[in-house]
């Protein structure tokens, strides 16, 4: 007769509880608020080119995959699922991106410079002022913009 250690028993119970949770519907019913919360956080940090519902769907699929791959290694399922869900959403956004990352960085730099000048000048900056702030010629600025 084989006797399991307390850690082995804990692991078996965790696996059984997630397996006993039954269908994907039960899992989704329990964790959909978490998926929506993560989707809102990711959605708020990206441009509005993606639909929130698409992010939620990606998150729900990642949740189901996380349940299948979860192994109790000393951290809760929620912690593991949160990481997997957020990662899946970000991966999906990167796959769908029409613009290269370098172009996104360039655009952020342009927007930050424009915002800074608007605060300093208390008006929208002229193209010449933007070019000077970015330390480029007017022609280069127009190509950049």
C-alpha atoms as a PDB file:
ATOM      1  CA  UNK A   1       0.000   0.000   0.000  1.00  0.00           C
ATOM      2  CA  UNK A   2       1.336   3.400  -1.044  1.00  0.00           C
ATOM      3  CA  UNK A   3       0.958   6.427   1.227  1.00  0.00           C
ATOM      4  CA  UNK A   4       0.929   9.884  -0.348  1.00  0.00           C
ATOM      5  CA  UNK A   5       2.659  12.835   1.242  1.00  0.00           C
ATOM      6  CA  UNK A   6       0.621  15.873   2.234  1.00  0.00           C
ATOM      7  CA  UNK A   7       1.890  17.820  -0.808  1.00  0.00           C
ATOM      8  CA  UNK A   8       0.870  15.024  -3.158  1.00  0.00           C
ATOM      9  CA  UNK A   9      -2.572  14.951  -1.581  1.00  0.00           C
ATOM     10  CA  UNK A  10      -2.881  18.737  -1.902  1.00  0.00           C
ATOM     11  CA  UNK A  11      -1.971  18.526  -5.562  1.00  0.00           C
ATOM     12  CA  UNK A  12      -4.447  15.717  -6.198  1.00  0.00           C
ATOM     13  CA  UNK A  13      -7.221  17.690  -4.505  1.00  0.00           C
ATOM     14  CA  UNK A  14      -6.443  20.786  -6.549  1.00  0.00           C
ATOM     15  CA  UNK A  15      -6.474  18.817  -9.794  1.00  0.00           C
ATOM     16  CA  UNK A  16      -9.689  17.070  -8.799  1.00  0.00           C
ATOM     17  CA  UNK A  17     -11.383  20.304  -7.818  1.00  0.00           C
ATOM     18  CA  UNK A  18     -10.629  21.886 -11.197  1.00  0.00           C
ATOM     19  CA  UNK A  19     -11.622  18.715 -13.000  1.00  0.00           C
ATOM     20  CA  UNK A  20     -14.761  18.495 -10.870  1.00  0.00           C
ATOM     21  CA  UNK A  21     -15.591  22.061 -11.724  1.00  0.00           C
ATOM     22  CA  UNK A  22     -16.905  20.326 -14.770  1.00  0.00           C
ATOM     23  CA  UNK A  23     -17.460  22.137 -17.932  1.00  0.00           C
ATOM     24  CA  UNK A  24     -15.992  25.262 -19.338  1.00  0.00           C
ATOM     25  CA  UNK A  25     -19.283  27.007 -18.534  1.00  0.00           C
ATOM     26  CA  UNK A  26     -18.708  26.590 -14.788  1.00  0.00           C
ATOM     27  CA  UNK A  27     -15.165  27.897 -15.103  1.00  0.00           C
ATOM     28  CA  UNK A  28     -16.292  30.871 -17.184  1.00  0.00           C
ATOM     29  CA  UNK A  29     -19.119  31.660 -14.771  1.00  0.00           C
ATOM     30  CA  UNK A  30     -16.671  31.784 -11.878  1.00  0.00           C
ATOM     31  CA  UNK A  31     -13.797  33.653 -13.537  1.00  0.00           C
ATOM     32  CA  UNK A  32     -15.474  35.883 -16.141  1.00  0.00           C
ATOM     33  CA  UNK A  33     -15.295  38.949 -13.842  1.00  0.00           C
ATOM     34  CA  UNK A  34     -11.525  38.428 -13.627  1.00  0.00           C
ATOM     35  CA  UNK A  35     -11.261  38.152 -17.419  1.00  0.00           C
ATOM     36  CA  UNK A  36     -13.319  41.330 -17.898  1.00  0.00           C
ATOM     37  CA  UNK A  37     -11.170  43.205 -15.365  1.00  0.00           C
ATOM     38  CA  UNK A  38      -7.962  42.187 -17.146  1.00  0.00           C
ATOM     39  CA  UNK A  39      -9.485  43.032 -20.540  1.00  0.00           C
ATOM     40  CA  UNK A  40     -10.411  46.530 -19.333  1.00  0.00           C
ATOM     41  CA  UNK A  41      -6.877  47.103 -18.063  1.00  0.00           C
ATOM     42  CA  UNK A  42      -5.301  45.978 -21.331  1.00  0.00           C
ATOM     43  CA  UNK A  43      -7.901  47.870 -23.393  1.00  0.00           C
ATOM     44  CA  UNK A  44      -7.237  51.102 -21.517  1.00  0.00           C
ATOM     45  CA  UNK A  45      -3.551  50.982 -22.399  1.00  0.00           C
ATOM     46  CA  UNK A  46      -3.866  50.359 -26.141  1.00  0.00           C
ATOM     47  CA  UNK A  47      -5.263  52.360 -28.993  1.00  0.00           C
ATOM     48  CA  UNK A  48      -8.943  51.915 -29.638  1.00  0.00           C
ATOM     49  CA  UNK A  49      -8.373  49.890 -32.793  1.00  0.00           C
ATOM     50  CA  UNK A  50      -9.454  46.716 -31.020  1.00  0.00           C
ATOM     51  CA  UNK A  51     -12.813  45.851 -29.609  1.00  0.00           C
ATOM     52  CA  UNK A  52     -13.127  45.104 -25.899  1.00  0.00           C
ATOM     53  CA  UNK A  53     -15.294  42.078 -26.674  1.00  0.00           C
ATOM     54  CA  UNK A  54     -12.489  40.588 -28.770  1.00  0.00           C
ATOM     55  CA  UNK A  55     -10.102  40.915 -25.848  1.00  0.00           C
ATOM     56  CA  UNK A  56     -12.630  39.274 -23.531  1.00  0.00           C
ATOM     57  CA  UNK A  57     -13.062  36.353 -25.941  1.00  0.00           C
ATOM     58  CA  UNK A  58      -9.302  35.916 -26.151  1.00  0.00           C
ATOM     59  CA  UNK A  59      -9.159  36.007 -22.356  1.00  0.00           C
ATOM     60  CA  UNK A  60     -11.868  33.368 -21.979  1.00  0.00           C
ATOM     61  CA  UNK A  61     -10.033  31.025 -24.327  1.00  0.00           C
ATOM     62  CA  UNK A  62      -6.822  31.626 -22.371  1.00  0.00           C
ATOM     63  CA  UNK A  63      -8.721  30.893 -19.143  1.00  0.00           C
ATOM     64  CA  UNK A  64      -9.820  27.490 -20.421  1.00  0.00           C
ATOM     65  CA  UNK A  65      -6.298  26.698 -21.613  1.00  0.00           C
ATOM     66  CA  UNK A  66      -4.909  27.822 -18.250  1.00  0.00           C
ATOM     67  CA  UNK A  67      -7.230  25.420 -16.450  1.00  0.00           C
ATOM     68  CA  UNK A  68      -5.987  22.556 -18.585  1.00  0.00           C
ATOM     69  CA  UNK A  69      -2.326  23.373 -18.001  1.00  0.00           C
ATOM     70  CA  UNK A  70      -2.475  24.433 -14.346  1.00  0.00           C
ATOM     71  CA  UNK A  71      -0.272  22.550 -11.920  1.00  0.00           C
ATOM     72  CA  UNK A  72      -0.195  23.429  -8.251  1.00  0.00           C
ATOM     73  CA  UNK A  73       3.324  24.690  -7.677  1.00  0.00           C
ATOM     74  CA  UNK A  74       2.675  26.773  -4.632  1.00  0.00           C
ATOM     75  CA  UNK A  75       0.602  29.543  -6.157  1.00  0.00           C
ATOM     76  CA  UNK A  76      -3.113  29.920  -6.678  1.00  0.00           C
ATOM     77  CA  UNK A  77      -4.914  29.198  -9.921  1.00  0.00           C
ATOM     78  CA  UNK A  78      -6.062  32.824 -10.062  1.00  0.00           C
ATOM     79  CA  UNK A  79      -2.466  34.039 -10.100  1.00  0.00           C
ATOM     80  CA  UNK A  80      -1.542  31.622 -12.869  1.00  0.00           C
ATOM     81  CA  UNK A  81      -4.671  32.383 -14.892  1.00  0.00           C
ATOM     82  CA  UNK A  82      -4.198  36.151 -14.595  1.00  0.00           C
ATOM     83  CA  UNK A  83      -0.736  35.916 -16.096  1.00  0.00           C
ATOM     84  CA  UNK A  84      -1.878  33.616 -18.898  1.00  0.00           C
ATOM     85  CA  UNK A  85      -4.963  35.699 -19.734  1.00  0.00           C
ATOM     86  CA  UNK A  86      -3.104  39.008 -19.875  1.00  0.00           C
ATOM     87  CA  UNK A  87      -0.321  37.438 -21.937  1.00  0.00           C
ATOM     88  CA  UNK A  88      -2.795  35.978 -24.425  1.00  0.00           C
ATOM     89  CA  UNK A  89      -4.496  39.347 -24.850  1.00  0.00           C
ATOM     90  CA  UNK A  90      -1.214  41.136 -25.458  1.00  0.00           C
ATOM     91  CA  UNK A  91      -0.081  38.436 -27.899  1.00  0.00           C
ATOM     92  CA  UNK A  92      -3.331  38.816 -29.822  1.00  0.00           C
ATOM     93  CA  UNK A  93      -2.921  42.587 -29.991  1.00  0.00           C
ATOM     94  CA  UNK A  94       0.618  42.163 -31.322  1.00  0.00           C
ATOM     95  CA  UNK A  95      -0.505  39.668 -33.968  1.00  0.00           C
ATOM     96  CA  UNK A  96      -3.245  42.036 -35.110  1.00  0.00           C
ATOM     97  CA  UNK A  97      -1.081  45.154 -35.079  1.00  0.00           C
ATOM     98  CA  UNK A  98      -0.970  46.948 -38.405  1.00  0.00           C
ATOM     99  CA  UNK A  99       1.841  49.213 -37.267  1.00  0.00           C
ATOM    100  CA  UNK A 100       5.341  48.124 -36.361  1.00  0.00           C
ATOM    101  CA  UNK A 101       6.536  48.680 -32.829  1.00  0.00           C
ATOM    102  CA  UNK A 102       9.075  51.261 -33.986  1.00  0.00           C
ATOM    103  CA  UNK A 103       6.269  53.293 -35.529  1.00  0.00           C
ATOM    104  CA  UNK A 104       4.353  53.108 -32.248  1.00  0.00           C
ATOM    105  CA  UNK A 105       7.399  54.394 -30.346  1.00  0.00           C
ATOM    106  CA  UNK A 106       7.814  57.207 -32.857  1.00  0.00           C
ATOM    107  CA  UNK A 107       4.150  58.136 -32.527  1.00  0.00           C
ATOM    108  CA  UNK A 108       4.377  58.178 -28.724  1.00  0.00           C
ATOM    109  CA  UNK A 109       7.420  60.458 -28.925  1.00  0.00           C
ATOM    110  CA  UNK A 110       5.559  62.798 -31.260  1.00  0.00           C
ATOM    111  CA  UNK A 111       2.479  62.897 -29.010  1.00  0.00           C
ATOM    112  CA  UNK A 112       4.572  63.473 -25.867  1.00  0.00           C
ATOM    113  CA  UNK A 113       6.424  66.350 -27.521  1.00  0.00           C
ATOM    114  CA  UNK A 114       3.165  67.881 -28.736  1.00  0.00           C
ATOM    115  CA  UNK A 115       1.624  67.628 -25.245  1.00  0.00           C
ATOM    116  CA  UNK A 116       4.697  69.178 -23.640  1.00  0.00           C
ATOM    117  CA  UNK A 117       4.684  72.106 -26.071  1.00  0.00           C
ATOM    118  CA  UNK A 118       0.939  72.639 -25.643  1.00  0.00           C
ATOM    119  CA  UNK A 119       1.457  72.995 -21.897  1.00  0.00           C
ATOM    120  CA  UNK A 120       4.391  75.360 -22.310  1.00  0.00           C
ATOM    121  CA  UNK A 121       2.848  77.513 -25.034  1.00  0.00           C
ATOM    122  CA  UNK A 122      -0.784  77.259 -23.858  1.00  0.00           C
ATOM    123  CA  UNK A 123      -1.805  76.613 -27.480  1.00  0.00           C
ATOM    124  CA  UNK A 124      -1.290  74.053 -30.216  1.00  0.00           C
ATOM    125  CA  UNK A 125       2.330  74.155 -31.404  1.00  0.00           C
ATOM    126  CA  UNK A 126       3.165  75.088 -34.978  1.00  0.00           C
ATOM    127  CA  UNK A 127       4.983  72.609 -37.196  1.00  0.00           C
ATOM    128  CA  UNK A 128       8.163  74.692 -36.984  1.00  0.00           C
ATOM    129  CA  UNK A 129       8.037  74.572 -33.175  1.00  0.00           C
ATOM    130  CA  UNK A 130       7.473  70.829 -33.221  1.00  0.00           C
ATOM    131  CA  UNK A 131      10.424  70.353 -35.572  1.00  0.00           C
ATOM    132  CA  UNK A 132      12.671  72.428 -33.299  1.00  0.00           C
ATOM    133  CA  UNK A 133      11.568  70.520 -30.194  1.00  0.00           C
ATOM    134  CA  UNK A 134      12.311  67.219 -31.939  1.00  0.00           C
ATOM    135  CA  UNK A 135      15.642  68.654 -33.180  1.00  0.00           C
ATOM    136  CA  UNK A 136      14.939  68.115 -36.856  1.00  0.00           C
ATOM    137  CA  UNK A 137      14.436  70.147 -39.986  1.00  0.00           C
ATOM    138  CA  UNK A 138      10.933  71.099 -41.062  1.00  0.00           C
ATOM    139  CA  UNK A 139      11.198  68.712 -44.064  1.00  0.00           C
ATOM    140  CA  UNK A 140      12.233  65.841 -41.817  1.00  0.00           C
ATOM    141  CA  UNK A 141       9.387  66.648 -39.431  1.00  0.00           C
ATOM    142  CA  UNK A 142       6.801  66.533 -42.222  1.00  0.00           C
ATOM    143  CA  UNK A 143       8.177  63.146 -43.317  1.00  0.00           C
ATOM    144  CA  UNK A 144       8.180  62.018 -39.682  1.00  0.00           C
ATOM    145  CA  UNK A 145       4.608  63.107 -39.068  1.00  0.00           C
END
